[in-house]
C-alpha atoms as a PDB file:
ATOM      1  CA  LEU A   1       0.737 -37.840  47.150  1.00  0.00           C
ATOM      2  CA  GLU A   2      -1.413 -40.862  46.328  1.00  0.00           C
ATOM      3  CA  LYS A   3      -4.531 -38.698  46.036  1.00  0.00           C
ATOM      4  CA  LEU A   4      -2.776 -36.217  43.733  1.00  0.00           C
ATOM      5  CA  ARG A   5      -1.382 -39.059  41.622  1.00  0.00           C
ATOM      6  CA  GLY A   6      -4.834 -40.614  41.270  1.00  0.00           C
ATOM      7  CA  ARG A   7      -6.403 -37.321  40.202  1.00  0.00           C
ATOM      8  CA  LEU A   8      -3.667 -36.680  37.637  1.00  0.00           C
ATOM      9  CA  MET A   9      -4.103 -40.173  36.182  1.00  0.00           C
ATOM     10  CA  PHE A  10      -7.851 -39.543  35.856  1.00  0.00           C
ATOM     11  CA  CYS A  11      -7.495 -36.030  34.387  1.00  0.00           C
ATOM     12  CA  ARG A  12      -4.717 -37.092  32.042  1.00  0.00           C
ATOM     13  CA  THR A  13      -7.123 -39.113  29.919  1.00  0.00           C
ATOM     14  CA  LEU A  14      -9.606 -36.236  29.703  1.00  0.00           C
ATOM     15  CA  CYS A  15      -7.621 -33.009  29.572  1.00  0.00           C
ATOM     16  CA  PHE A  16      -3.917 -32.610  28.986  1.00  0.00           C
ATOM     17  CA  GLY A  17      -2.892 -35.961  27.543  1.00  0.00           C
ATOM     18  CA  ARG A  18       0.720 -37.037  27.299  1.00  0.00           C
ATOM     19  CA  PHE A  19       2.128 -33.931  28.945  1.00  0.00           C
ATOM     20  CA  ALA A  20       1.205 -35.214  32.416  1.00  0.00           C
ATOM     21  CA  ALA A  21       3.593 -38.161  32.051  1.00  0.00           C
ATOM     22  CA  VAL A  22       6.458 -36.113  33.476  1.00  0.00           C
ATOM     23  CA  ALA A  23       4.474 -35.101  36.544  1.00  0.00           C
ATOM     24  CA  LEU A  24       3.173 -38.642  37.053  1.00  0.00           C
ATOM     25  CA  ARG A  25       6.676 -40.101  36.870  1.00  0.00           C
ATOM     26  CA  ALA A  26       7.920 -37.574  39.418  1.00  0.00           C
ATOM     27  CA  LEU A  27       4.930 -38.340  41.659  1.00  0.00           C
ATOM     28  CA  ASN A  28       5.574 -42.074  41.439  1.00  0.00           C
ATOM     29  CA  ALA A  29       9.175 -41.503  42.522  1.00  0.00           C
ATOM     30  CA  ALA A  30       8.010 -39.242  45.362  1.00  0.00           C
ATOM     31  CA  CYS A  31       5.529 -41.877  46.544  1.00  0.00           C
ATOM     32  CA  ALA A  32       8.323 -44.460  46.547  1.00  0.00           C
ATOM     33  CA  ARG A  33      10.630 -42.162  48.523  1.00  0.00           C
ATOM     34  CA  ALA A  34       7.864 -41.390  51.020  1.00  0.00           C
ATOM     35  CA  GLY A  35       7.019 -45.048  51.501  1.00  0.00           C
ATOM     36  CA  VAL A  36       3.399 -44.565  50.426  1.00  0.00           C
ATOM     37  CA  GLY A  37       1.530 -47.856  50.580  1.00  0.00           C
ATOM     38  CA  LYS A  38       4.011 -49.490  52.977  1.00  0.00           C
ATOM     39  CA  THR A  39       3.510 -50.436  56.603  1.00  0.00           C
ATOM     40  CA  ARG A  40       2.408 -47.436  58.637  1.00  0.00           C
ATOM     41  CA  GLY A  41       5.461 -47.556  60.881  1.00  0.00           C
ATOM     42  CA  THR A  42       7.913 -47.228  57.963  1.00  0.00           C
ATOM     43  CA  VAL A  43       6.398 -44.215  56.226  1.00  0.00           C
ATOM     44  CA  ASN A  44       8.867 -41.385  55.612  1.00  0.00           C
ATOM     45  CA  THR A  45       7.332 -38.190  57.013  1.00  0.00           C
ATOM     46  CA  GLN A  46       9.725 -35.782  55.252  1.00  0.00           C
ATOM     47  CA  ARG A  47       7.660 -32.989  53.663  1.00  0.00           C
ATOM     48  CA  ASN A  48      10.215 -31.246  51.432  1.00  0.00           C
ATOM     49  CA  LEU A  49       9.420 -31.405  47.730  1.00  0.00           C
ATOM     50  CA  HIS A  50      12.035 -33.108  45.602  1.00  0.00           C
ATOM     51  CA  PRO A  51      13.296 -30.675  42.890  1.00  0.00           C
ATOM     52  CA  ASP A  52      12.087 -32.980  40.083  1.00  0.00           C
ATOM     53  CA  LEU A  53       8.599 -33.148  41.545  1.00  0.00           C
ATOM     54  CA  GLU A  54       8.451 -29.413  42.215  1.00  0.00           C
ATOM     55  CA  HIS A  55       9.534 -28.636  38.643  1.00  0.00           C
ATOM     56  CA  ALA A  56       7.026 -31.100  37.159  1.00  0.00           C
ATOM     57  CA  LEU A  57       4.080 -29.774  39.158  1.00  0.00           C
ATOM     58  CA  LEU A  58       4.927 -26.100  38.540  1.00  0.00           C
ATOM     59  CA  THR A  59       5.264 -26.764  34.804  1.00  0.00           C
ATOM     60  CA  LEU A  60       1.994 -28.670  34.769  1.00  0.00           C
ATOM     61  CA  ALA A  61       0.221 -25.834  36.601  1.00  0.00           C
ATOM     62  CA  ARG A  62       1.592 -23.269  34.135  1.00  0.00           C
ATOM     63  CA  VAL A  63       0.451 -25.286  31.122  1.00  0.00           C
ATOM     64  CA  LEU A  64      -3.021 -25.798  32.558  1.00  0.00           C
ATOM     65  CA  ARG A  65      -3.379 -22.063  33.188  1.00  0.00           C
ATOM     66  CA  GLN A  66      -2.224 -21.121  29.685  1.00  0.00           C
ATOM     67  CA  SER A  67      -4.024 -23.825  27.715  1.00  0.00           C
ATOM     68  CA  PRO A  68      -7.794 -23.593  27.327  1.00  0.00           C
ATOM     69  CA  SER A  69      -9.926 -26.541  26.313  1.00  0.00           C
ATOM     70  CA  ARG A  70      -8.959 -28.171  23.023  1.00  0.00           C
ATOM     71  CA  ILE A  71     -11.541 -27.614  20.283  1.00  0.00           C
ATOM     72  CA  LEU A  72     -10.737 -28.693  16.730  1.00  0.00           C
ATOM     73  CA  ARG A  73     -12.069 -26.640  13.863  1.00  0.00           C
ATOM     74  CA  VAL A  74     -14.445 -28.956  12.075  1.00  0.00           C
ATOM     75  CA  ALA A  75     -13.799 -27.123   8.796  1.00  0.00           C
ATOM     76  CA  TYR A  76     -10.371 -28.790   8.619  1.00  0.00           C
ATOM     77  CA  LEU A  77     -11.002 -32.464   7.979  1.00  0.00           C
ATOM     78  CA  VAL A  78      -7.565 -33.218   6.484  1.00  0.00           C
ATOM     79  CA  PRO A  79      -4.630 -33.181   8.919  1.00  0.00           C
ATOM     80  CA  VAL A  80      -1.487 -31.134   8.497  1.00  0.00           C
ATOM     81  CA  LEU A  81       1.405 -33.398   7.446  1.00  0.00           C
ATOM     82  CA  LEU A  82       4.733 -32.869   9.212  1.00  0.00           C
ATOM     83  CA  PHE A  83       8.008 -34.635   8.418  1.00  0.00           C
ATOM     84  CA  THR A  84      10.975 -33.938  10.707  1.00  0.00           C
ATOM     85  CA  GLU A  85      14.517 -35.223  10.786  1.00  0.00           C
ATOM     86  CA  GLY A  86      17.415 -35.046  13.200  1.00  0.00           C
ATOM     87  CA  ALA A  87      20.932 -36.207  12.415  1.00  0.00           C
ATOM     88  CA  GLY A  88      24.233 -36.255  14.215  1.00  0.00           C
ATOM     89  CA  GLU A  89      27.775 -37.491  13.852  1.00  0.00           C
ATOM     90  CA  PRO A  90      31.194 -36.594  15.277  1.00  0.00           C
ATOM     91  CA  ASP A  91      33.419 -34.209  13.324  1.00  0.00           C
ATOM     92  CA  SER A  92      37.192 -34.539  12.850  1.00  0.00           C
ATOM     93  CA  THR A  93      37.774 -33.293  16.419  1.00  0.00           C
ATOM     94  CA  GLY A  94      35.312 -35.746  17.959  1.00  0.00           C
ATOM     95  CA  ARG A  95      32.600 -33.166  18.665  1.00  0.00           C
ATOM     96  CA  PHE A  96      29.052 -34.366  18.032  1.00  0.00           C
ATOM     97  CA  ILE A  97      27.432 -32.171  15.354  1.00  0.00           C
ATOM     98  CA  GLY A  98      23.634 -32.146  15.366  1.00  0.00           C
ATOM     99  CA  THR A  99      21.411 -30.955  12.527  1.00  0.00           C
ATOM    100  CA  ILE A 100      17.615 -30.716  12.338  1.00  0.00           C
ATOM    101  CA  GLY A 101      15.078 -30.053   9.620  1.00  0.00           C
ATOM    102  CA  GLY A 102      11.425 -30.333   8.781  1.00  0.00           C
ATOM    103  CA  VAL A 103       8.829 -30.165   6.023  1.00  0.00           C
ATOM    104  CA  LEU A 104       5.187 -29.170   6.481  1.00  0.00           C
ATOM    105  CA  LEU A 105       2.404 -29.749   3.969  1.00  0.00           C
ATOM    106  CA  ASP A 106      -1.148 -28.542   4.518  1.00  0.00           C
ATOM    107  CA  PRO A 107      -3.394 -30.295   1.962  1.00  0.00           C
ATOM    108  CA  SER A 108      -6.292 -27.978   2.811  1.00  0.00           C
ATOM    109  CA  ASP A 109      -4.708 -25.084   0.875  1.00  0.00           C
ATOM    110  CA  GLY A 110      -1.495 -26.522  -0.583  1.00  0.00           C
ATOM    111  CA  THR A 111       0.834 -24.692   1.819  1.00  0.00           C
ATOM    112  CA  TYR A 112       4.377 -26.097   1.720  1.00  0.00           C
ATOM    113  CA  ARG A 113       7.085 -24.991   4.143  1.00  0.00           C
ATOM    114  CA  TYR A 114      10.484 -26.262   5.235  1.00  0.00           C
ATOM    115  CA  PHE A 115      13.423 -25.427   7.495  1.00  0.00           C
ATOM    116  CA  GLY A 116      16.870 -26.737   8.322  1.00  0.00           C
ATOM    117  CA  GLY A 117      19.708 -25.825  10.631  1.00  0.00           C
ATOM    118  CA  THR A 118      22.567 -26.866  12.884  1.00  0.00           C
ATOM    119  CA  LEU A 119      22.221 -27.111  16.654  1.00  0.00           C
ATOM    120  CA  SER A 120      24.571 -24.957  18.706  1.00  0.00           C
ATOM    121  CA  GLN A 121      27.545 -26.519  20.436  1.00  0.00           C
ATOM    122  CA  SER A 122      26.136 -25.510  23.833  1.00  0.00           C
ATOM    123  CA  VAL A 123      23.025 -27.593  23.116  1.00  0.00           C
ATOM    124  CA  MET A 124      25.112 -30.512  21.890  1.00  0.00           C
ATOM    125  CA  ARG A 125      27.397 -30.374  24.943  1.00  0.00           C
ATOM    126  CA  ALA A 126      24.333 -30.577  27.159  1.00  0.00           C
ATOM    127  CA  LEU A 127      22.922 -33.555  25.246  1.00  0.00           C
ATOM    128  CA  THR A 128      26.182 -35.491  24.987  1.00  0.00           C
ATOM    129  CA  SER A 129      26.791 -35.089  28.720  1.00  0.00           C
ATOM    130  CA  GLU A 130      24.131 -37.779  29.236  1.00  0.00           C
ATOM    131  CA  SER A 131      24.591 -39.888  26.095  1.00  0.00           C
ATOM    132  CA  ALA A 132      27.446 -40.356  23.640  1.00  0.00           C
ATOM    133  CA  ASN A 133      24.919 -40.504  20.793  1.00  0.00           C
ATOM    134  CA  PRO A 134      21.813 -38.463  21.703  1.00  0.00           C
ATOM    135  CA  ILE A 135      20.145 -38.916  18.311  1.00  0.00           C
ATOM    136  CA  ALA A 136      16.652 -39.473  19.779  1.00  0.00           C
ATOM    137  CA  ALA A 137      16.798 -36.139  21.596  1.00  0.00           C
ATOM    138  CA  VAL A 138      18.001 -34.434  18.399  1.00  0.00           C
ATOM    139  CA  GLU A 139      15.050 -35.965  16.519  1.00  0.00           C
ATOM    140  CA  VAL A 140      12.613 -34.606  19.115  1.00  0.00           C
ATOM    141  CA  LEU A 141      14.268 -31.170  18.991  1.00  0.00           C
ATOM    142  CA  ALA A 142      13.412 -31.141  15.283  1.00  0.00           C
ATOM    143  CA  VAL A 143       9.761 -31.710  16.229  1.00  0.00           C
ATOM    144  CA  TRP A 144       9.955 -28.948  18.843  1.00  0.00           C
ATOM    145  CA  ALA A 145      11.451 -26.520  16.301  1.00  0.00           C
ATOM    146  CA  ALA A 146       8.744 -27.344  13.756  1.00  0.00           C
ATOM    147  CA  LEU A 147       5.936 -26.787  16.264  1.00  0.00           C
ATOM    148  CA  ALA A 148       7.535 -23.517  17.371  1.00  0.00           C
ATOM    149  CA  LEU A 149       7.984 -22.256  13.795  1.00  0.00           C
ATOM    150  CA  TRP A 150       4.566 -23.293  12.542  1.00  0.00           C
ATOM    151  CA  GLU A 151       2.427 -22.975  15.671  1.00  0.00           C
ATOM    152  CA  GLU A 152      -0.083 -20.736  13.910  1.00  0.00           C
ATOM    153  CA  ARG A 153      -0.451 -23.214  11.035  1.00  0.00           C
ATOM    154  CA  VAL A 154      -1.047 -26.244  13.316  1.00  0.00           C
ATOM    155  CA  SER A 155      -3.207 -24.373  15.848  1.00  0.00           C
ATOM    156  CA  ASN A 156      -6.565 -26.105  16.413  1.00  0.00           C
ATOM    157  CA  ARG A 157      -5.664 -28.685  13.778  1.00  0.00           C
ATOM    158  CA  ALA A 158      -5.135 -32.408  13.559  1.00  0.00           C
ATOM    159  CA  LEU A 159      -1.481 -33.133  12.771  1.00  0.00           C
ATOM    160  CA  LEU A 160       0.051 -36.303  11.359  1.00  0.00           C
ATOM    161  CA  GLY A 161       3.742 -36.252  12.221  1.00  0.00           C
ATOM    162  CA  PHE A 162       6.522 -38.547  10.983  1.00  0.00           C
ATOM    163  CA  VAL A 163       9.905 -39.010  12.655  1.00  0.00           C
ATOM    164  CA  ASP A 164      12.850 -41.167  11.566  1.00  0.00           C
ATOM    165  CA  ASN A 165      13.670 -42.737  14.928  1.00  0.00           C
ATOM    166  CA  ASP A 166      11.773 -45.322  16.979  1.00  0.00           C
ATOM    167  CA  PRO A 167      12.929 -44.166  20.453  1.00  0.00           C
ATOM    168  CA  ALA A 168      11.936 -40.589  19.548  1.00  0.00           C
ATOM    169  CA  LYS A 169       8.540 -41.732  18.294  1.00  0.00           C
ATOM    170  CA  HIS A 170       7.870 -43.846  21.392  1.00  0.00           C
ATOM    171  CA  ALA A 171       8.897 -40.955  23.660  1.00  0.00           C
ATOM    172  CA  LEU A 172       6.543 -38.566  21.830  1.00  0.00           C
ATOM    173  CA  VAL A 173       3.693 -41.073  22.075  1.00  0.00           C
ATOM    174  CA  ARG A 174       4.291 -41.694  25.802  1.00  0.00           C
ATOM    175  CA  GLY A 175       4.998 -38.042  26.542  1.00  0.00           C
ATOM    176  CA  SER A 176       8.155 -38.913  28.465  1.00  0.00           C
ATOM    177  CA  SER A 177      11.335 -40.979  28.522  1.00  0.00           C
ATOM    178  CA  PRO A 178      13.594 -42.577  31.159  1.00  0.00           C
ATOM    179  CA  GLY A 179      16.473 -40.393  29.916  1.00  0.00           C
ATOM    180  CA  ALA A 180      16.425 -36.939  31.490  1.00  0.00           C
ATOM    181  CA  ASP A 181      17.527 -35.038  28.363  1.00  0.00           C
ATOM    182  CA  LEU A 182      15.131 -36.821  26.017  1.00  0.00           C
ATOM    183  CA  ALA A 183      12.322 -36.372  28.563  1.00  0.00           C
ATOM    184  CA  ALA A 184      13.031 -32.629  28.712  1.00  0.00           C
ATOM    185  CA  CYS A 185      12.914 -32.353  24.898  1.00  0.00           C
ATOM    186  CA  VAL A 186       9.629 -34.281  24.761  1.00  0.00           C
ATOM    187  CA  ASP A 187       8.255 -32.127  27.574  1.00  0.00           C
ATOM    188  CA  ALA A 188       9.002 -28.969  25.578  1.00  0.00           C
ATOM    189  CA  ALA A 189       7.434 -30.379  22.394  1.00  0.00           C
ATOM    190  CA  CYS A 190       4.294 -31.511  24.219  1.00  0.00           C
ATOM    191  CA  ALA A 191       3.929 -28.086  25.839  1.00  0.00           C
ATOM    192  CA  LEU A 192       3.909 -26.452  22.392  1.00  0.00           C
ATOM    193  CA  GLU A 193       1.397 -29.016  21.141  1.00  0.00           C
ATOM    194  CA  ILE A 194      -0.923 -28.215  24.040  1.00  0.00           C
ATOM    195  CA  ARG A 195      -0.487 -24.454  23.666  1.00  0.00           C
ATOM    196  CA  ALA A 196      -1.424 -24.715  19.990  1.00  0.00           C
ATOM    197  CA  LYS A 197      -4.364 -26.994  20.848  1.00  0.00           C
ATOM    198  CA  ALA A 198      -3.128 -29.342  18.114  1.00  0.00           C
ATOM    199  CA  LEU A 199      -4.219 -32.971  17.971  1.00  0.00           C
ATOM    200  CA  CYS A 200      -1.008 -34.826  17.074  1.00  0.00           C
ATOM    201  CA  TYR A 201      -0.425 -38.410  15.984  1.00  0.00           C
ATOM    202  CA  TRP A 202       3.190 -39.597  15.649  1.00  0.00           C
ATOM    203  CA  GLU A 203       4.476 -42.356  13.387  1.00  0.00           C
ATOM    204  CA  ARG A 204       7.862 -43.666  12.192  1.00  0.00           C
ATOM    205  CA  VAL A 205       8.916 -43.266   8.571  1.00  0.00           C
ATOM    206  CA  PRO A 206      12.438 -43.930   7.175  1.00  0.00           C
END
């Protein structure tokens, strides 16, 4: 476990960036459970993979197989600009209603696109099961939707993205979050970023 963790930490800076944060966090927890680094007599010799670690490593392996080396097209010197927004508030019945939207502007050819929509109640039930106000996860879902919709436009491009929530921005920058639902949303967004071979920089804007 320690050897795998060390190799992931080394490769993370060279290859797959923030996406490895999920696998590294799961590995750190596995090392703690196994007693790695403690006195030899107290090491836990259990060899079953924890479900979180298994999921993280399988996802990481799939992304590495599907994502070739990142090469930016030097013809595009100006980044794509992406503004996303997530919002949520309870309705008259107390249900949390989540909405997402985004605007893309490509200065290289003047392309302007936008989208907006309401998240399904099944998605909102899943998010509110962990947090009474999962606005950060909703904000990241807006980023995920934008990358999914406009993957061809951002492919092999530098992207300057703006979100209206500090926890969402920090989670996107780190590539993970202590909250399971927010971490899963960030994981999905990072996977799309890697698949598109986009070079993304995230910032906060009101």
